[in-house]
Amino acid sequence: MTKAKDYRINQLANGQIISIEIKCCGNHIGEIRFLDGETRTCTICGTEHSLKVHHNHFHLSRIKHPN
């Protein structure tokens, strides 16, 4: 089963998160490093995927922008 929107978290053996791969509209649209404010935008639907890093947690958000 293929998911239209999906995230894959990549981490080192010690558990440190290094990057997040993003899938949108069924396509791999890119990878963001685990840095605050990183974004990738889907060229098909215009959704912006963003990462906000806080002291002890992080947020992955999707914001739909009209094409």
PDB file of N, CA and C in Angstrom:
ATOM      1  N   MET A   1       0.840  -1.182   0.000  1.00  0.00           N
ATOM      2  CA  MET A   1       0.000   0.000   0.000  1.00  0.00           C
ATOM      3  C   MET A   1       0.886   1.247   0.000  1.00  0.00           C
ATOM      4  N   THR A   2       0.727   2.128  -0.961  1.00  0.00           N
ATOM      5  CA  THR A   2       1.516   3.349  -1.066  1.00  0.00           C
ATOM      6  C   THR A   2       0.766   4.492  -0.386  1.00  0.00           C
ATOM      7  N   LYS A   3       1.460   5.213   0.475  1.00  0.00           N
ATOM      8  CA  LYS A   3       0.853   6.348   1.159  1.00  0.00           C
ATOM      9  C   LYS A   3       1.106   7.616   0.363  1.00  0.00           C
ATOM     10  N   ALA A   4       0.088   8.468   0.270  1.00  0.00           N
ATOM     11  CA  ALA A   4       0.211   9.708  -0.488  1.00  0.00           C
ATOM     12  C   ALA A   4       1.144  10.699   0.205  1.00  0.00           C
ATOM     13  N   LYS A   5       1.038  10.811   1.529  1.00  0.00           N
ATOM     14  CA  LYS A   5       1.902  11.692   2.314  1.00  0.00           C
ATOM     15  C   LYS A   5       2.526  10.847   3.414  1.00  0.00           C
ATOM     16  N   ASP A   6       3.841  10.954   3.560  1.00  0.00           N
ATOM     17  CA  ASP A   6       4.524  10.079   4.503  1.00  0.00           C
ATOM     18  C   ASP A   6       5.849  10.706   4.904  1.00  0.00           C
ATOM     19  N   TYR A   7       6.326  10.399   6.105  1.00  0.00           N
ATOM     20  CA  TYR A   7       7.621  10.864   6.585  1.00  0.00           C
ATOM     21  C   TYR A   7       8.438   9.663   7.038  1.00  0.00           C
ATOM     22  N   ARG A   8       9.725   9.712   6.778  1.00  0.00           N
ATOM     23  CA  ARG A   8      10.638   8.672   7.249  1.00  0.00           C
ATOM     24  C   ARG A   8      11.742   9.364   8.024  1.00  0.00           C
ATOM     25  N   ILE A   9      11.920   8.986   9.282  1.00  0.00           N
ATOM     26  CA  ILE A   9      12.919   9.588  10.156  1.00  0.00           C
ATOM     27  C   ILE A   9      14.191   8.739  10.086  1.00  0.00           C
ATOM     28  N   ASN A  10      15.316   9.358   9.730  1.00  0.00           N
ATOM     29  CA  ASN A  10      16.609   8.670   9.674  1.00  0.00           C
ATOM     30  C   ASN A  10      17.410   9.045  10.909  1.00  0.00           C
ATOM     31  N   GLN A  11      17.975   8.042  11.557  1.00  0.00           N
ATOM     32  CA  GLN A  11      18.746   8.299  12.769  1.00  0.00           C
ATOM     33  C   GLN A  11      20.013   7.468  12.811  1.00  0.00           C
ATOM     34  N   LEU A  12      20.958   7.929  13.614  1.00  0.00           N
ATOM     35  CA  LEU A  12      22.203   7.208  13.840  1.00  0.00           C
ATOM     36  C   LEU A  12      21.953   6.072  14.821  1.00  0.00           C
ATOM     37  N   ALA A  13      22.921   5.183  15.001  1.00  0.00           N
ATOM     38  CA  ALA A  13      22.800   4.051  15.915  1.00  0.00           C
ATOM     39  C   ALA A  13      22.539   4.496  17.355  1.00  0.00           C
ATOM     40  N   ASN A  14      23.007   5.703  17.720  1.00  0.00           N
ATOM     41  CA  ASN A  14      22.807   6.195  19.088  1.00  0.00           C
ATOM     42  C   ASN A  14      21.449   6.876  19.282  1.00  0.00           C
ATOM     43  N   GLY A  15      20.618   6.899  18.223  1.00  0.00           N
ATOM     44  CA  GLY A  15      19.291   7.478  18.311  1.00  0.00           C
ATOM     45  C   GLY A  15      19.194   8.926  17.866  1.00  0.00           C
ATOM     46  N   GLN A  16      20.310   9.558  17.554  1.00  0.00           N
ATOM     47  CA  GLN A  16      20.300  10.950  17.111  1.00  0.00           C
ATOM     48  C   GLN A  16      19.646  11.048  15.735  1.00  0.00           C
ATOM     49  N   ILE A  17      18.648  11.920  15.625  1.00  0.00           N
ATOM     50  CA  ILE A  17      17.959  12.123  14.351  1.00  0.00           C
ATOM     51  C   ILE A  17      18.857  12.957  13.437  1.00  0.00           C
ATOM     52  N   ILE A  18      19.019  12.498  12.190  1.00  0.00           N
ATOM     53  CA  ILE A  18      19.871  13.245  11.255  1.00  0.00           C
ATOM     54  C   ILE A  18      19.085  13.854  10.097  1.00  0.00           C
ATOM     55  N   SER A  19      17.978  13.218   9.686  1.00  0.00           N
ATOM     56  CA  SER A  19      17.213  13.778   8.572  1.00  0.00           C
ATOM     57  C   SER A  19      15.813  13.177   8.536  1.00  0.00           C
ATOM     58  N   ILE A  20      14.957  13.813   7.737  1.00  0.00           N
ATOM     59  CA  ILE A  20      13.591  13.355   7.557  1.00  0.00           C
ATOM     60  C   ILE A  20      13.302  13.362   6.056  1.00  0.00           C
ATOM     61  N   GLU A  21      12.919  12.203   5.527  1.00  0.00           N
ATOM     62  CA  GLU A  21      12.552  12.091   4.126  1.00  0.00           C
ATOM     63  C   GLU A  21      11.060  12.353   4.001  1.00  0.00           C
ATOM     64  N   ILE A  22      10.660  13.058   2.947  1.00  0.00           N
ATOM     65  CA  ILE A  22       9.269  13.460   2.785  1.00  0.00           C
ATOM     66  C   ILE A  22       8.703  12.890   1.498  1.00  0.00           C
ATOM     67  N   LYS A  23       7.514  12.303   1.623  1.00  0.00           N
ATOM     68  CA  LYS A  23       6.771  11.829   0.463  1.00  0.00           C
ATOM     69  C   LYS A  23       5.447  12.594   0.441  1.00  0.00           C
ATOM     70  N   CYS A  24       5.082  13.126  -0.730  1.00  0.00           N
ATOM     71  CA  CYS A  24       3.830  13.852  -0.891  1.00  0.00           C
ATOM     72  C   CYS A  24       3.264  13.528  -2.268  1.00  0.00           C
ATOM     73  N   CYS A  25       1.979  13.397  -2.372  1.00  0.00           N
ATOM     74  CA  CYS A  25       1.306  13.046  -3.634  1.00  0.00           C
ATOM     75  C   CYS A  25       1.871  11.752  -4.221  1.00  0.00           C
ATOM     76  N   GLY A  26       2.312  10.862  -3.341  1.00  0.00           N
ATOM     77  CA  GLY A  26       2.844   9.574  -3.766  1.00  0.00           C
ATOM     78  C   GLY A  26       4.267   9.608  -4.274  1.00  0.00           C
ATOM     79  N   ASN A  27       4.932  10.793  -4.240  1.00  0.00           N
ATOM     80  CA  ASN A  27       6.300  10.937  -4.743  1.00  0.00           C
ATOM     81  C   ASN A  27       7.249  11.381  -3.642  1.00  0.00           C
ATOM     82  N   HIS A  28       8.492  10.915  -3.710  1.00  0.00           N
ATOM     83  CA  HIS A  28       9.534  11.379  -2.790  1.00  0.00           C
ATOM     84  C   HIS A  28       9.922  12.790  -3.230  1.00  0.00           C
ATOM     85  N   ILE A  29       9.651  13.796  -2.363  1.00  0.00           N
ATOM     86  CA  ILE A  29       9.918  15.179  -2.769  1.00  0.00           C
ATOM     87  C   ILE A  29      11.203  15.737  -2.188  1.00  0.00           C
ATOM     88  N   GLY A  30      11.848  14.986  -1.318  1.00  0.00           N
ATOM     89  CA  GLY A  30      13.116  15.461  -0.789  1.00  0.00           C
ATOM     90  C   GLY A  30      13.360  15.043   0.642  1.00  0.00           C
ATOM     91  N   GLU A  31      14.443  15.557   1.155  1.00  0.00           N
ATOM     92  CA  GLU A  31      14.899  15.234   2.506  1.00  0.00           C
ATOM     93  C   GLU A  31      15.293  16.538   3.184  1.00  0.00           C
ATOM     94  N   ILE A  32      14.934  16.666   4.453  1.00  0.00           N
ATOM     95  CA  ILE A  32      15.354  17.837   5.221  1.00  0.00           C
ATOM     96  C   ILE A  32      16.266  17.380   6.347  1.00  0.00           C
ATOM     97  N   ARG A  33      17.318  18.135   6.557  1.00  0.00           N
ATOM     98  CA  ARG A  33      18.200  17.869   7.681  1.00  0.00           C
ATOM     99  C   ARG A  33      17.461  18.255   8.941  1.00  0.00           C
ATOM    100  N   PHE A  34      17.853  17.713  10.050  1.00  0.00           N
ATOM    101  CA  PHE A  34      17.158  17.975  11.310  1.00  0.00           C
ATOM    102  C   PHE A  34      17.587  19.336  11.853  1.00  0.00           C
ATOM    103  N   LEU A  35      17.163  20.396  11.156  1.00  0.00           N
ATOM    104  CA  LEU A  35      17.475  21.769  11.519  1.00  0.00           C
ATOM    105  C   LEU A  35      16.187  22.575  11.567  1.00  0.00           C
ATOM    106  N   ASP A  36      16.065  23.449  12.541  1.00  0.00           N
ATOM    107  CA  ASP A  36      14.873  24.271  12.702  1.00  0.00           C
ATOM    108  C   ASP A  36      14.632  25.126  11.464  1.00  0.00           C
ATOM    109  N   GLY A  37      13.395  25.115  10.982  1.00  0.00           N
ATOM    110  CA  GLY A  37      13.013  25.961   9.869  1.00  0.00           C
ATOM    111  C   GLY A  37      13.195  25.351   8.495  1.00  0.00           C
ATOM    112  N   GLU A  38      13.691  24.139   8.405  1.00  0.00           N
ATOM    113  CA  GLU A  38      13.866  23.483   7.104  1.00  0.00           C
ATOM    114  C   GLU A  38      12.494  23.226   6.473  1.00  0.00           C
ATOM    115  N   THR A  39      12.378  23.409   5.161  1.00  0.00           N
ATOM    116  CA  THR A  39      11.122  23.167   4.456  1.00  0.00           C
ATOM    117  C   THR A  39      11.366  22.510   3.106  1.00  0.00           C
ATOM    118  N   ARG A  40      10.341  21.836   2.603  1.00  0.00           N
ATOM    119  CA  ARG A  40      10.295  21.323   1.236  1.00  0.00           C
ATOM    120  C   ARG A  40       8.869  21.525   0.754  1.00  0.00           C
ATOM    121  N   THR A  41       8.707  21.894  -0.512  1.00  0.00           N
ATOM    122  CA  THR A  41       7.392  22.134  -1.077  1.00  0.00           C
ATOM    123  C   THR A  41       7.136  21.153  -2.212  1.00  0.00           C
ATOM    124  N   CYS A  42       5.960  20.547  -2.186  1.00  0.00           N
ATOM    125  CA  CYS A  42       5.558  19.611  -3.231  1.00  0.00           C
ATOM    126  C   CYS A  42       5.229  20.391  -4.496  1.00  0.00           C
ATOM    127  N   THR A  43       5.843  20.016  -5.604  1.00  0.00           N
ATOM    128  CA  THR A  43       5.602  20.709  -6.869  1.00  0.00           C
ATOM    129  C   THR A  43       4.257  20.327  -7.486  1.00  0.00           C
ATOM    130  N   ILE A  44       3.643  19.265  -7.004  1.00  0.00           N
ATOM    131  CA  ILE A  44       2.361  18.826  -7.554  1.00  0.00           C
ATOM    132  C   ILE A  44       1.190  19.554  -6.897  1.00  0.00           C
ATOM    133  N   CYS A  45       1.144  19.539  -5.549  1.00  0.00           N
ATOM    134  CA  CYS A  45      -0.013  20.113  -4.857  1.00  0.00           C
ATOM    135  C   CYS A  45       0.284  21.436  -4.147  1.00  0.00           C
ATOM    136  N   GLY A  46       1.561  21.823  -4.053  1.00  0.00           N
ATOM    137  CA  GLY A  46       1.924  23.081  -3.412  1.00  0.00           C
ATOM    138  C   GLY A  46       2.002  23.045  -1.902  1.00  0.00           C
ATOM    139  N   THR A  47       1.857  21.870  -1.293  1.00  0.00           N
ATOM    140  CA  THR A  47       1.931  21.762   0.157  1.00  0.00           C
ATOM    141  C   THR A  47       3.370  21.968   0.626  1.00  0.00           C
ATOM    142  N   GLU A  48       3.537  22.833   1.634  1.00  0.00           N
ATOM    143  CA  GLU A  48       4.849  23.066   2.235  1.00  0.00           C
ATOM    144  C   GLU A  48       4.972  22.196   3.481  1.00  0.00           C
ATOM    145  N   HIS A  49       6.016  21.402   3.531  1.00  0.00           N
ATOM    146  CA  HIS A  49       6.304  20.548   4.679  1.00  0.00           C
ATOM    147  C   HIS A  49       7.431  21.222   5.449  1.00  0.00           C
ATOM    148  N   SER A  50       7.215  21.480   6.739  1.00  0.00           N
ATOM    149  CA  SER A  50       8.221  22.214   7.507  1.00  0.00           C
ATOM    150  C   SER A  50       8.535  21.518   8.825  1.00  0.00           C
ATOM    151  N   LEU A  51       9.722  21.818   9.337  1.00  0.00           N
ATOM    152  CA  LEU A  51      10.208  21.248  10.584  1.00  0.00           C
ATOM    153  C   LEU A  51      10.518  22.375  11.559  1.00  0.00           C
ATOM    154  N   LYS A  52       9.971  22.276  12.754  1.00  0.00           N
ATOM    155  CA  LYS A  52      10.271  23.211  13.835  1.00  0.00           C
ATOM    156  C   LYS A  52      10.845  22.401  14.995  1.00  0.00           C
ATOM    157  N   VAL A  53      12.080  22.722  15.376  1.00  0.00           N
ATOM    158  CA  VAL A  53      12.761  22.008  16.449  1.00  0.00           C
ATOM    159  C   VAL A  53      12.672  22.835  17.724  1.00  0.00           C
ATOM    160  N   HIS A  54      12.248  22.199  18.811  1.00  0.00           N
ATOM    161  CA  HIS A  54      12.172  22.834  20.119  1.00  0.00           C
ATOM    162  C   HIS A  54      13.128  22.124  21.071  1.00  0.00           C
ATOM    163  N   HIS A  55      13.168  22.550  22.304  1.00  0.00           N
ATOM    164  CA  HIS A  55      14.131  22.017  23.280  1.00  0.00           C
ATOM    165  C   HIS A  55      14.084  20.489  23.394  1.00  0.00           C
ATOM    166  N   ASN A  56      12.898  19.927  23.589  1.00  0.00           N
ATOM    167  CA  ASN A  56      12.812  18.480  23.810  1.00  0.00           C
ATOM    168  C   ASN A  56      11.848  17.775  22.856  1.00  0.00           C
ATOM    169  N   HIS A  57      11.463  18.444  21.768  1.00  0.00           N
ATOM    170  CA  HIS A  57      10.565  17.831  20.794  1.00  0.00           C
ATOM    171  C   HIS A  57      10.645  18.588  19.468  1.00  0.00           C
ATOM    172  N   PHE A  58       9.971  18.044  18.460  1.00  0.00           N
ATOM    173  CA  PHE A  58       9.924  18.723  17.169  1.00  0.00           C
ATOM    174  C   PHE A  58       8.543  18.567  16.554  1.00  0.00           C
ATOM    175  N   HIS A  59       8.203  19.460  15.623  1.00  0.00           N
ATOM    176  CA  HIS A  59       6.925  19.443  14.918  1.00  0.00           C
ATOM    177  C   HIS A  59       7.171  19.302  13.429  1.00  0.00           C
ATOM    178  N   LEU A  60       6.446  18.400  12.791  1.00  0.00           N
ATOM    179  CA  LEU A  60       6.390  18.312  11.334  1.00  0.00           C
ATOM    180  C   LEU A  60       5.024  18.852  10.940  1.00  0.00           C
ATOM    181  N   SER A  61       4.996  19.848  10.067  1.00  0.00           N
ATOM    182  CA  SER A  61       3.742  20.481   9.680  1.00  0.00           C
ATOM    183  C   SER A  61       3.579  20.476   8.176  1.00  0.00           C
ATOM    184  N   ARG A  62       2.309  20.470   7.748  1.00  0.00           N
ATOM    185  CA  ARG A  62       1.968  20.600   6.330  1.00  0.00           C
ATOM    186  C   ARG A  62       1.074  21.814   6.189  1.00  0.00           C
ATOM    187  N   ILE A  63       1.449  22.710   5.298  1.00  0.00           N
ATOM    188  CA  ILE A  63       0.647  23.896   5.017  1.00  0.00           C
ATOM    189  C   ILE A  63       0.313  23.883   3.537  1.00  0.00           C
ATOM    190  N   LYS A  64      -0.961  23.840   3.229  1.00  0.00           N
ATOM    191  CA  LYS A  64      -1.408  23.789   1.834  1.00  0.00           C
ATOM    192  C   LYS A  64      -1.431  25.207   1.273  1.00  0.00           C
ATOM    193  N   HIS A  65      -0.650  25.434   0.235  1.00  0.00           N
ATOM    194  CA  HIS A  65      -0.629  26.709  -0.472  1.00  0.00           C
ATOM    195  C   HIS A  65      -1.291  26.510  -1.826  1.00  0.00           C
ATOM    196  N   PRO A  66      -2.143  27.412  -2.251  1.00  0.00           N
ATOM    197  CA  PRO A  66      -2.769  27.254  -3.577  1.00  0.00           C
ATOM    198  C   PRO A  66      -1.739  27.392  -4.690  1.00  0.00           C
ATOM    199  N   ASN A  67      -1.857  26.545  -5.684  1.00  0.00           N
ATOM    200  CA  ASN A  67      -0.954  26.623  -6.854  1.00  0.00           C
ATOM    201  C   ASN A  67      -1.426  27.665  -7.817  1.00  0.00           C
TER     202      ASN A  67
END
